[in-house]
Amino acid sequence: MLFRSNRGGARALLRDFHGAVADYSAALRINVDDIDALLGRAGAYEELGDLPRARADYARLTQLLPASRDIRERLERTRPNGP
């Protein structure tokens, strides 16, 4: 759902990371493979310090985008005890 994903991005820019997570999660209920929503939610989780949830979203993204070095680096960054 593009509207929710876009609103999530706007909320993240305003540093309303809880609201961003809510909007991205709503978009993912419509399309579980929404790459933009997964990436946005993972970033919002990181900002909130919820690294296990961020890591779960990045792990899903590595399945959807296996060639993405950026996603693999983000996954590594959220590894327990850091990279």
Protein backbone atom coordinates (compact mmCIF):
# COMPACT_ATOMS: atom_id res chain seq x y z
CA MET A 1 0.00 0.00 0.00
CA LEU A 2 1.88 3.00 -1.33
CA PHE A 3 0.11 5.59 0.83
CA ARG A 4 1.13 3.90 4.09
CA SER A 5 4.68 3.38 2.90
CA ASN A 6 4.98 7.03 1.82
CA ARG A 7 3.48 8.25 5.08
CA GLY A 8 5.91 6.03 6.96
CA GLY A 9 8.75 7.75 5.14
CA ALA A 10 7.36 11.18 6.01
CA ARG A 11 7.06 10.19 9.65
CA ALA A 12 10.61 8.90 9.68
CA LEU A 13 11.83 12.24 8.29
CA LEU A 14 10.00 13.92 11.17
CA ARG A 15 11.73 11.47 13.56
CA ASP A 16 8.39 9.89 14.50
CA PHE A 17 9.83 6.41 14.31
CA HIS A 18 6.98 4.73 16.22
CA GLY A 19 4.50 6.20 13.74
CA ALA A 20 6.75 5.18 10.85
CA VAL A 21 6.86 1.58 12.09
CA ALA A 22 3.05 1.57 12.36
CA ASP A 23 2.62 2.82 8.79
CA TYR A 24 5.24 0.51 7.31
CA SER A 25 3.69 -2.43 9.17
CA ALA A 26 0.26 -1.52 7.76
CA ALA A 27 1.75 -1.52 4.25
CA LEU A 28 3.35 -4.91 4.90
CA ARG A 29 -0.01 -6.37 5.97
CA ILE A 30 -1.15 -5.64 2.39
CA ASN A 31 2.06 -6.84 0.70
CA VAL A 32 4.52 -8.80 2.84
CA ASP A 33 7.22 -8.37 0.19
CA ASP A 34 7.03 -4.56 -0.09
CA ILE A 35 10.73 -3.78 -0.30
CA ASP A 36 10.33 -0.06 0.44
CA ALA A 37 8.21 -0.76 3.52
CA LEU A 38 10.62 -3.43 4.79
CA LEU A 39 13.62 -1.17 4.29
CA GLY A 40 11.88 1.80 5.91
CA ARG A 41 10.64 -0.21 8.87
CA ALA A 42 14.07 -1.75 9.42
CA GLY A 43 15.60 1.73 9.49
CA ALA A 44 12.94 2.99 11.89
CA TYR A 45 13.56 0.00 14.16
CA GLU A 46 17.26 0.80 14.10
CA GLU A 47 16.57 4.40 15.10
CA LEU A 48 14.43 3.12 17.99
CA GLY A 49 17.25 0.81 19.07
CA ASP A 50 15.20 -2.32 18.32
CA LEU A 51 18.01 -4.15 16.56
CA PRO A 52 16.45 -7.64 16.64
CA ARG A 53 13.42 -6.42 14.69
CA ALA A 54 15.59 -4.36 12.33
CA ARG A 55 17.73 -7.44 11.74
CA ALA A 56 14.65 -9.57 10.99
CA ASP A 57 13.53 -7.10 8.32
CA TYR A 58 17.03 -6.93 6.83
CA ALA A 59 17.18 -10.73 6.79
CA ARG A 60 13.91 -10.82 4.83
CA LEU A 61 15.30 -8.21 2.46
CA THR A 62 18.39 -10.36 1.80
CA GLN A 63 16.00 -13.09 0.64
CA LEU A 64 14.22 -10.66 -1.69
CA LEU A 65 17.39 -8.89 -2.87
CA PRO A 66 20.19 -11.46 -2.56
CA ALA A 67 22.63 -9.42 -4.67
CA SER A 68 22.33 -6.28 -2.52
CA ARG A 69 25.59 -5.57 -0.73
CA ASP A 70 23.96 -2.63 1.07
CA ILE A 71 21.33 -4.87 2.65
CA ARG A 72 23.97 -7.43 3.69
CA GLU A 73 25.99 -4.62 5.32
CA ARG A 74 22.90 -3.41 7.19
CA LEU A 75 22.22 -6.97 8.34
CA GLU A 76 25.78 -7.22 9.62
CA ARG A 77 25.52 -3.83 11.34
CA THR A 78 22.54 -5.04 13.37
CA ARG A 79 24.24 -8.27 14.41
CA PRO A 80 24.39 -8.72 18.20
CA ASN A 81 27.64 -7.20 19.48
CA GLY A 82 27.97 -5.13 16.28
CA PRO A 83 29.96 -5.78 13.12
